[in-house]
Amino acid sequence: MKQLLFMLLLIIITYPITAQQDDTIEISPELIAHLDQLDVAVSQLRELDILADVERRFPTRQDVIDFVMQATQEELDVQTVLEQTQFYIAFDFVSPEFDLVATYTTLLADQVAGFYDPETGIMNVLLTSPDAVLEDELPILEQLVYVHEYTHALQDQHFDLLTYLEDVTEPDASLAALALVEGDATLVMQDYTLLLAEQDPLALLALLDDDLLLDAEMPAGTPAVLEAELTMPYFDGLLFVMALHRDGGWDSVDAAYANPPVSTEQIFHPEKYLAGEMPIAVSLPPVELGEGWEQLMDYTLGEFYLREYLNTQVDRSTAINAAAGWGGDRMNLYYNADRNARAWVIELVMDTPEDAVEFKTAYMDFILGRLPESTVIGDCYTTQAETLCLLDVDDTTLKISYAPEVALARQLLDNS
């Protein structure tokens, strides 16, 4: 998933790309000079020297579709597809009919405007608007995409992006690591936008045309959690990197690559990263649930996925505030292929007793919305088809379990 996430840049907040008609795109000497100027501008804005030339490509739409198809096949092996799909279903993010591969392929092939591939060191920029022509100077929107992608190239030269990401395996930590990379590139793009505004404010304002903004949307049917996953590294990553930059300039941002954020909590609350506050370590033993059940995941859920999960039943503000007290957690997900059933348990540690109370209050509203006709049996709320349990372990720790029936949910609660 790392490579796929690197590809979705900027176009999320602009508009879908119209297919290119040309099979090949010629680059004039004047355009090469213009691109060289952009390289220098990015280097100066980001305060990173250019250590090597970067190969530039302006692929056609079909080139991008082919690349996305290949990357999807390489990244989404059968086990990854199973784990991710069942995770999304188990936490009510998608319907049981959700097709992960088809959704990612459609989303990325339709929306990507440019990408930097750290495996090859090649940066790619597409012409994004229906009337854009590759002449002697990039149109403004393409300049912004180029600046973003060239920042990734400089990051790679100085910080080795593949090495930076190679040990990050869990979803929450992956989002945090990507947020530094994408927030960094987005801040440079923002600074370049300010330069453009000084030089040609009217041309820049054209990007804010109402017709353009009306098209600023994901493809129809994109699950909300997928949109949040893909946009979070850019929007929240930008705020995180801005906080680092305020604290110590680009030196502070550079230092973060050697000491990267390890949780989305640190991205949402940069002051915790700057203070060196780490997530609370939590572990859960595996539970034998019986014939047909297998453990699919033993991961940290994290503040990002916790707030997205809450937001499936409570309003956005309540979800954000309730998840903000997150201190650490561990989540185990189980799957029974014969029954096409899922079960999970989370041990959640909040920062303070007050945070635990706020979360529990929000989660009780969640349960009432999720299982409105449930019967209360001890710590569990059950219907004929499913059960949710919520247990206070101590004044800052809670356990939550979910299963098709109360006995399994109780087993997870008591034995994890």
Protein backbone atom coordinates (compact mmCIF):
# COMPACT_ATOMS: atom_id res chain seq x y z
CA MET A 1 0.00 0.00 0.00
CA LYS A 2 2.94 2.37 0.44
CA GLN A 3 3.57 2.82 -3.28
CA LEU A 4 -0.11 3.34 -4.04
CA LEU A 5 -0.42 6.03 -1.42
CA PHE A 6 2.59 7.87 -2.82
CA MET A 7 0.85 8.09 -6.18
CA LEU A 8 -2.28 9.93 -5.18
CA LEU A 9 -1.16 13.54 -5.11
CA LEU A 10 -2.96 16.86 -5.30
CA ILE A 11 -5.60 15.79 -7.80
CA ILE A 12 -7.85 14.73 -4.94
CA ILE A 13 -8.61 18.39 -4.36
CA THR A 14 -8.86 19.40 -8.00
CA TYR A 15 -10.72 17.34 -10.58
CA PRO A 16 -10.68 14.05 -12.54
CA ILE A 17 -8.28 13.92 -15.45
CA THR A 18 -9.45 13.75 -19.05
CA ALA A 19 -7.69 11.11 -21.13
CA GLN A 20 -4.79 12.37 -23.22
CA GLN A 21 -5.10 12.01 -26.99
CA ASP A 22 -1.38 11.98 -27.85
CA ASP A 23 0.55 8.73 -27.68
CA THR A 24 3.80 10.63 -27.08
CA ILE A 25 4.50 14.05 -25.61
CA GLU A 26 7.41 16.07 -26.94
CA ILE A 27 9.37 18.28 -24.53
CA SER A 28 10.86 21.44 -26.00
CA PRO A 29 14.22 22.92 -24.95
CA GLU A 30 12.27 25.90 -23.56
CA LEU A 31 10.19 23.58 -21.39
CA ILE A 32 13.32 21.83 -20.14
CA ALA A 33 14.72 25.22 -19.11
CA HIS A 34 11.43 26.02 -17.37
CA LEU A 35 11.54 22.71 -15.48
CA ASP A 36 15.13 23.38 -14.45
CA GLN A 37 13.96 26.69 -12.99
CA LEU A 38 11.24 24.88 -11.06
CA ASP A 39 13.84 22.45 -9.70
CA VAL A 40 15.94 25.33 -8.41
CA ALA A 41 12.89 27.04 -6.90
CA VAL A 42 11.92 23.87 -5.03
CA SER A 43 15.49 23.36 -3.82
CA GLN A 44 15.59 26.91 -2.47
CA LEU A 45 12.13 26.77 -0.89
CA ARG A 46 12.81 23.40 0.74
CA GLU A 47 16.44 24.23 1.62
CA LEU A 48 17.67 20.91 0.22
CA ASP A 49 20.49 20.78 -2.33
CA ILE A 50 19.95 19.00 -5.64
CA LEU A 51 22.23 15.97 -5.38
CA ALA A 52 21.40 14.35 -8.74
CA ASP A 53 19.40 14.89 -11.89
CA VAL A 54 15.87 13.48 -11.79
CA GLU A 55 14.28 11.77 -14.76
CA ARG A 56 11.01 13.50 -15.69
CA ARG A 57 8.16 11.92 -17.56
CA PHE A 58 4.85 13.25 -18.81
CA PRO A 59 2.92 10.00 -19.26
CA THR A 60 -0.34 9.56 -21.11
CA ARG A 61 -3.48 8.53 -19.29
CA GLN A 62 -3.08 4.96 -20.57
CA ASP A 63 0.49 4.86 -19.22
CA VAL A 64 -0.86 5.75 -15.79
CA ILE A 65 -3.65 3.17 -15.97
CA ASP A 66 -1.11 0.49 -16.89
CA PHE A 67 1.18 1.55 -14.03
CA VAL A 68 -1.68 1.58 -11.53
CA MET A 69 -2.83 -1.87 -12.61
CA GLN A 70 0.68 -3.26 -12.21
CA ALA A 71 1.26 -1.55 -8.85
CA THR A 72 -2.10 -2.77 -7.57
CA GLN A 73 -1.30 -6.35 -8.51
CA GLU A 74 2.13 -6.16 -6.88
CA GLU A 75 1.02 -4.47 -3.66
CA LEU A 76 -2.34 -6.16 -3.08
CA ASP A 77 -1.54 -9.85 -2.78
CA VAL A 78 -4.29 -12.28 -1.79
CA GLN A 79 -3.55 -12.15 1.94
CA THR A 80 -3.36 -8.35 2.02
CA VAL A 81 -6.67 -8.09 0.18
CA LEU A 82 -8.27 -10.52 2.64
CA GLU A 83 -6.96 -8.70 5.72
CA GLN A 84 -7.79 -5.19 4.51
CA THR A 85 -11.22 -6.13 3.22
CA GLN A 86 -12.25 -7.94 6.39
CA PHE A 87 -10.91 -5.08 8.52
CA TYR A 88 -13.00 -2.53 6.62
CA ILE A 89 -16.10 -4.73 6.88
CA ALA A 90 -15.56 -5.55 10.56
CA PHE A 91 -15.45 -1.88 11.54
CA ASP A 92 -18.47 -0.89 9.43
CA PHE A 93 -16.43 1.10 6.93
CA VAL A 94 -17.73 -0.79 3.88
CA SER A 95 -20.45 -3.26 2.96
CA PRO A 96 -19.72 -7.02 2.83
CA GLU A 97 -19.73 -6.80 -1.00
CA PHE A 98 -16.79 -4.35 -1.05
CA ASP A 99 -14.17 -5.04 -3.75
CA LEU A 100 -10.85 -3.59 -2.56
CA VAL A 101 -8.84 -4.15 -5.75
CA ALA A 102 -11.49 -2.71 -8.06
CA THR A 103 -12.00 0.30 -5.80
CA TYR A 104 -8.29 1.15 -5.56
CA THR A 105 -7.70 0.63 -9.27
CA THR A 106 -10.61 2.86 -10.27
CA LEU A 107 -9.77 5.52 -7.71
CA LEU A 108 -6.10 5.82 -8.54
CA ALA A 109 -6.44 5.46 -12.31
CA ASP A 110 -9.11 8.17 -12.41
CA GLN A 111 -7.63 10.63 -9.96
CA VAL A 112 -3.83 10.56 -9.99
CA ALA A 113 -2.21 13.75 -11.33
CA GLY A 114 1.39 12.88 -10.70
CA PHE A 115 3.59 10.49 -8.79
CA TYR A 116 7.17 9.96 -7.78
CA ASP A 117 8.34 6.36 -7.79
CA PRO A 118 11.13 5.93 -5.19
CA GLU A 119 12.03 2.52 -6.63
CA THR A 120 13.04 4.01 -9.99
CA GLY A 121 13.70 7.64 -9.02
CA ILE A 122 11.39 8.81 -11.82
CA MET A 123 8.85 11.58 -11.36
CA ASN A 124 5.70 11.70 -13.46
CA VAL A 125 3.35 14.62 -14.09
CA LEU A 126 0.14 14.49 -16.12
CA LEU A 127 -1.66 17.28 -17.91
CA THR A 128 -4.71 17.54 -15.70
CA SER A 129 -7.17 19.93 -17.30
CA PRO A 130 -9.11 19.15 -20.48
CA ASP A 131 -7.53 22.08 -22.40
CA ALA A 132 -3.97 21.85 -21.05
CA VAL A 133 -1.23 21.57 -23.68
CA LEU A 134 2.42 20.82 -23.01
CA GLU A 135 4.08 23.93 -24.42
CA ASP A 136 7.17 25.88 -23.36
CA GLU A 137 5.96 26.39 -19.79
CA LEU A 138 3.77 24.23 -17.58
CA PRO A 139 0.27 25.52 -16.83
CA ILE A 140 -0.12 26.68 -13.23
CA LEU A 141 -1.85 23.57 -11.92
CA GLU A 142 0.78 21.33 -13.49
CA GLN A 143 3.48 23.51 -11.94
CA LEU A 144 2.00 22.80 -8.51
CA VAL A 145 1.95 19.06 -9.20
CA TYR A 146 5.52 19.23 -10.48
CA VAL A 147 6.70 21.12 -7.39
CA HIS A 148 5.07 18.55 -5.12
CA GLU A 149 6.63 15.64 -7.00
CA TYR A 150 10.06 17.23 -7.23
CA THR A 151 9.98 17.72 -3.46
CA HIS A 152 9.57 13.95 -3.17
CA ALA A 153 12.61 13.51 -5.40
CA LEU A 154 14.69 15.75 -3.11
CA GLN A 155 13.37 13.91 -0.05
CA ASP A 156 14.46 10.65 -1.64
CA GLN A 157 17.94 11.99 -2.41
CA HIS A 158 18.46 13.18 1.16
CA PHE A 159 16.43 10.77 3.29
CA ASP A 160 16.02 7.60 1.17
CA LEU A 161 12.25 7.15 1.13
CA LEU A 162 12.32 3.38 0.62
CA THR A 163 14.51 2.88 3.69
CA TYR A 164 12.41 5.38 5.62
CA LEU A 165 9.28 3.30 4.97
CA GLU A 166 10.64 -0.24 4.87
CA ASP A 167 10.11 -1.08 8.55
CA VAL A 168 6.66 0.52 8.80
CA THR A 169 4.14 -2.30 8.55
CA GLU A 170 1.07 -1.34 10.58
CA PRO A 171 -1.65 0.92 9.12
CA ASP A 172 -1.58 3.61 11.82
CA ALA A 173 2.20 3.93 11.75
CA SER A 174 2.18 3.90 7.93
CA LEU A 175 -0.24 6.82 7.82
CA ALA A 176 1.94 8.72 10.29
CA ALA A 177 5.09 8.09 8.25
CA LEU A 178 3.37 9.13 5.03
CA ALA A 179 1.98 12.25 6.69
CA LEU A 180 5.52 13.56 7.22
CA VAL A 181 6.47 12.91 3.59
CA GLU A 182 3.28 14.30 2.05
CA GLY A 183 2.91 17.16 4.52
CA ASP A 184 6.47 18.20 3.70
CA ALA A 185 5.80 18.23 -0.06
CA THR A 186 2.46 19.97 0.42
CA LEU A 187 4.06 22.77 2.46
CA VAL A 188 6.61 23.36 -0.31
CA MET A 189 3.77 23.39 -2.82
CA GLN A 190 1.93 25.91 -0.63
CA ASP A 191 5.01 28.14 -0.43
CA TYR A 192 5.39 27.97 -4.21
CA THR A 193 1.72 28.91 -4.59
CA LEU A 194 2.40 32.07 -2.58
CA LEU A 195 5.22 32.93 -4.99
CA LEU A 196 2.86 32.48 -7.92
CA ALA A 197 0.28 34.69 -6.22
CA GLU A 198 2.82 37.50 -6.05
CA GLN A 199 3.73 37.10 -9.73
CA ASP A 200 0.31 36.49 -11.30
CA PRO A 201 -2.60 36.68 -8.83
CA LEU A 202 -5.30 36.61 -11.52
CA ALA A 203 -4.03 33.39 -13.06
CA LEU A 204 -3.86 31.77 -9.66
CA LEU A 205 -7.38 32.87 -8.80
CA ALA A 206 -8.59 31.04 -11.90
CA LEU A 207 -7.80 27.80 -10.07
CA LEU A 208 -10.49 28.71 -7.54
CA ASP A 209 -13.19 28.97 -10.22
CA ASP A 210 -16.55 27.67 -8.99
CA ASP A 211 -16.82 25.15 -11.82
CA LEU A 212 -13.48 23.68 -10.78
CA LEU A 213 -14.49 23.38 -7.15
CA LEU A 214 -17.74 21.67 -8.09
CA ASP A 215 -15.68 18.83 -9.56
CA ALA A 216 -13.51 18.44 -6.45
CA GLU A 217 -14.73 15.03 -5.43
CA MET A 218 -13.79 11.38 -5.30
CA PRO A 219 -15.30 8.92 -7.78
CA ALA A 220 -18.87 7.93 -6.93
CA GLY A 221 -19.04 5.13 -4.40
CA THR A 222 -15.63 5.74 -2.82
CA PRO A 223 -15.92 4.66 0.85
CA ALA A 224 -15.48 7.53 3.29
CA VAL A 225 -12.68 5.73 5.12
CA LEU A 226 -10.73 5.33 1.89
CA GLU A 227 -11.06 9.02 1.14
CA ALA A 228 -9.95 9.83 4.68
CA GLU A 229 -6.94 7.49 4.42
CA LEU A 230 -5.83 9.05 1.17
CA THR A 231 -6.32 12.69 2.12
CA MET A 232 -5.13 12.57 5.74
CA PRO A 233 -1.38 12.49 4.92
CA TYR A 234 -1.77 15.68 2.86
CA PHE A 235 -4.11 17.80 4.96
CA ASP A 236 -3.16 16.68 8.48
CA GLY A 237 0.41 16.06 7.35
CA LEU A 238 0.60 19.69 6.22
CA LEU A 239 -0.49 20.93 9.65
CA PHE A 240 2.01 18.59 11.31
CA VAL A 241 4.93 19.77 9.16
CA MET A 242 3.90 23.40 9.62
CA ALA A 243 4.14 22.85 13.39
CA LEU A 244 7.63 21.36 13.02
CA HIS A 245 8.65 24.24 10.76
CA ARG A 246 7.42 26.81 13.29
CA ASP A 247 9.37 25.01 16.00
CA GLY A 248 12.71 24.86 14.22
CA GLY A 249 12.48 25.63 10.52
CA TRP A 250 13.36 23.08 7.86
CA ASP A 251 16.06 21.67 10.15
CA SER A 252 13.29 20.43 12.43
CA VAL A 253 11.49 18.83 9.48
CA ASP A 254 14.72 17.20 8.28
CA ALA A 255 15.35 15.77 11.74
CA ALA A 256 11.94 14.11 11.73
CA TYR A 257 13.06 11.70 9.00
CA ALA A 258 15.60 10.28 11.45
CA ASN A 259 13.03 10.29 14.27
CA PRO A 260 9.73 9.80 12.43
CA PRO A 261 6.24 10.08 13.88
CA VAL A 262 5.00 6.62 14.84
CA SER A 263 1.28 7.22 15.33
CA THR A 264 -1.51 9.30 13.86
CA GLU A 265 -1.91 10.73 17.36
CA GLN A 266 1.43 12.49 16.88
CA ILE A 267 0.24 13.84 13.51
CA PHE A 268 -3.06 15.15 14.89
CA HIS A 269 -1.31 16.58 17.96
CA PRO A 270 2.17 17.78 16.88
CA GLU A 271 2.87 19.05 20.37
CA LYS A 272 2.95 15.42 21.54
CA TYR A 273 5.54 14.55 18.91
CA LEU A 274 7.64 17.59 19.80
CA ALA A 275 7.42 16.66 23.49
CA GLY A 276 8.54 13.10 22.73
CA GLU A 277 5.26 11.56 23.90
CA MET A 278 5.05 8.02 22.55
CA PRO A 279 2.00 5.75 22.31
CA ILE A 280 1.35 3.53 25.31
CA ALA A 281 2.37 -0.05 24.48
CA VAL A 282 -0.53 -2.51 24.67
CA SER A 283 -0.50 -6.23 23.89
CA LEU A 284 -3.25 -8.83 23.56
CA PRO A 285 -2.87 -12.62 23.64
CA PRO A 286 -4.52 -14.60 20.84
CA VAL A 287 -7.81 -16.30 21.65
CA GLU A 288 -8.94 -19.68 20.30
CA LEU A 289 -12.49 -19.06 19.14
CA GLY A 290 -13.15 -22.55 17.81
CA GLU A 291 -13.37 -24.33 14.49
CA GLY A 292 -13.07 -22.16 11.40
CA TRP A 293 -11.79 -19.05 13.15
CA GLU A 294 -8.37 -17.58 12.33
CA GLN A 295 -6.62 -14.45 13.56
CA LEU A 296 -6.10 -12.04 10.67
CA MET A 297 -4.66 -8.98 12.42
CA ASP A 298 -2.77 -8.05 15.56
CA TYR A 299 -2.39 -4.30 15.05
CA THR A 300 -2.65 -0.93 16.69
CA LEU A 301 -5.90 0.71 15.61
CA GLY A 302 -4.71 4.23 16.42
CA GLU A 303 -6.46 7.56 16.77
CA PHE A 304 -7.21 7.90 13.05
CA TYR A 305 -9.10 4.63 12.67
CA LEU A 306 -10.72 5.03 16.08
CA ARG A 307 -12.23 8.37 15.09
CA GLU A 308 -13.31 7.02 11.68
CA TYR A 309 -14.97 4.04 13.38
CA LEU A 310 -16.82 6.26 15.84
CA ASN A 311 -17.87 8.53 12.99
CA THR A 312 -19.88 5.72 11.42
CA GLN A 313 -22.47 6.27 14.17
CA VAL A 314 -21.78 9.59 15.92
CA ASP A 315 -21.21 13.06 14.47
CA ARG A 316 -17.76 14.12 13.32
CA SER A 317 -17.06 16.53 16.18
CA THR A 318 -18.01 13.95 18.82
CA ALA A 319 -15.87 11.31 17.12
CA ILE A 320 -12.82 13.57 16.92
CA ASN A 321 -13.12 14.73 20.53
CA ALA A 322 -13.71 11.23 21.89
CA ALA A 323 -10.73 9.78 20.01
CA ALA A 324 -8.43 12.70 20.91
CA GLY A 325 -7.72 11.21 24.33
CA TRP A 326 -6.24 8.08 22.75
CA GLY A 327 -3.08 6.92 24.48
CA GLY A 328 -2.52 3.47 23.00
CA ASP A 329 -4.35 0.32 21.96
CA ARG A 330 -4.13 -3.14 20.49
CA MET A 331 -6.67 -4.72 18.17
CA ASN A 332 -7.02 -8.38 17.23
CA LEU A 333 -9.24 -9.25 14.27
CA TYR A 334 -10.58 -12.77 13.66
CA TYR A 335 -12.28 -14.20 10.58
CA ASN A 336 -14.32 -17.32 9.86
CA ALA A 337 -14.37 -17.93 6.10
CA ASP A 338 -16.94 -20.75 6.33
CA ARG A 339 -19.40 -18.42 8.06
CA ASN A 340 -18.16 -15.24 6.38
CA ALA A 341 -18.09 -13.81 9.90
CA ARG A 342 -15.80 -11.44 11.74
CA ALA A 343 -14.95 -10.87 15.41
CA TRP A 344 -12.55 -8.49 17.09
CA VAL A 345 -11.34 -7.18 20.42
CA ILE A 346 -9.60 -3.92 21.35
CA GLU A 347 -7.85 -2.94 24.55
CA LEU A 348 -7.85 0.84 24.57
CA VAL A 349 -5.84 3.03 26.95
CA MET A 350 -6.82 6.68 27.22
CA ASP A 351 -4.52 9.46 28.39
CA THR A 352 -6.57 10.41 31.47
CA PRO A 353 -9.63 9.18 33.39
CA GLU A 354 -11.54 12.15 31.97
CA ASP A 355 -10.64 11.04 28.44
CA ALA A 356 -11.89 7.54 29.25
CA VAL A 357 -15.22 8.92 30.46
CA GLU A 358 -15.59 11.04 27.33
CA PHE A 359 -14.84 8.08 25.09
CA LYS A 360 -17.21 5.77 26.95
CA THR A 361 -20.01 8.33 26.72
CA ALA A 362 -19.51 8.63 22.97
CA TYR A 363 -19.28 4.87 22.57
CA MET A 364 -22.54 4.29 24.40
CA ASP A 365 -24.17 6.61 21.85
CA PHE A 366 -22.40 4.60 19.18
CA ILE A 367 -23.85 1.33 20.48
CA LEU A 368 -27.37 2.77 20.64
CA GLY A 369 -27.05 3.84 17.02
CA ARG A 370 -25.38 0.63 15.85
CA LEU A 371 -27.62 -1.84 17.75
CA PRO A 372 -30.82 0.07 18.54
CA GLU A 373 -32.85 -3.07 19.28
CA SER A 374 -30.20 -4.78 21.39
CA THR A 375 -30.68 -6.64 24.65
CA VAL A 376 -28.29 -5.83 27.50
CA ILE A 377 -26.51 -8.82 29.02
CA GLY A 378 -23.92 -7.64 31.53
CA ASP A 379 -21.32 -5.61 29.63
CA CYS A 380 -22.70 -6.71 26.26
CA TYR A 381 -25.36 -5.43 23.89
CA THR A 382 -26.67 -8.19 21.69
CA THR A 383 -29.10 -8.90 18.86
CA GLN A 384 -29.82 -12.13 17.02
CA ALA A 385 -27.03 -11.36 14.54
CA GLU A 386 -24.27 -9.55 16.45
CA THR A 387 -22.94 -8.38 19.80
CA LEU A 388 -20.87 -5.46 21.09
CA CYS A 389 -19.33 -5.48 24.56
CA LEU A 390 -17.74 -2.61 26.50
CA LEU A 391 -15.79 -3.22 29.71
CA ASP A 392 -14.02 -0.85 32.11
CA VAL A 393 -10.65 -2.41 32.99
CA ASP A 394 -9.52 0.51 35.14
CA ASP A 395 -10.02 4.28 35.16
CA THR A 396 -8.12 4.80 31.88
CA THR A 397 -8.44 1.40 30.16
CA LEU A 398 -11.39 -0.11 28.32
CA LYS A 399 -11.99 -3.27 26.35
CA ILE A 400 -14.37 -3.51 23.42
CA SER A 401 -15.32 -6.70 21.62
CA TYR A 402 -17.52 -7.57 18.67
CA ALA A 403 -18.73 -10.97 17.46
CA PRO A 404 -21.72 -12.61 15.76
CA GLU A 405 -22.97 -13.94 19.09
CA VAL A 406 -22.65 -12.97 22.72
CA ALA A 407 -20.66 -16.04 23.79
CA LEU A 408 -17.84 -15.27 21.35
CA ALA A 409 -17.83 -11.57 22.21
CA ARG A 410 -17.69 -12.45 25.90
CA GLN A 411 -14.89 -14.94 25.26
CA LEU A 412 -12.83 -12.24 23.56
CA LEU A 413 -13.52 -9.80 26.37
CA ASP A 414 -12.59 -12.24 29.14
CA ASN A 415 -9.57 -13.97 27.57
CA SER A 416 -7.76 -11.15 25.78
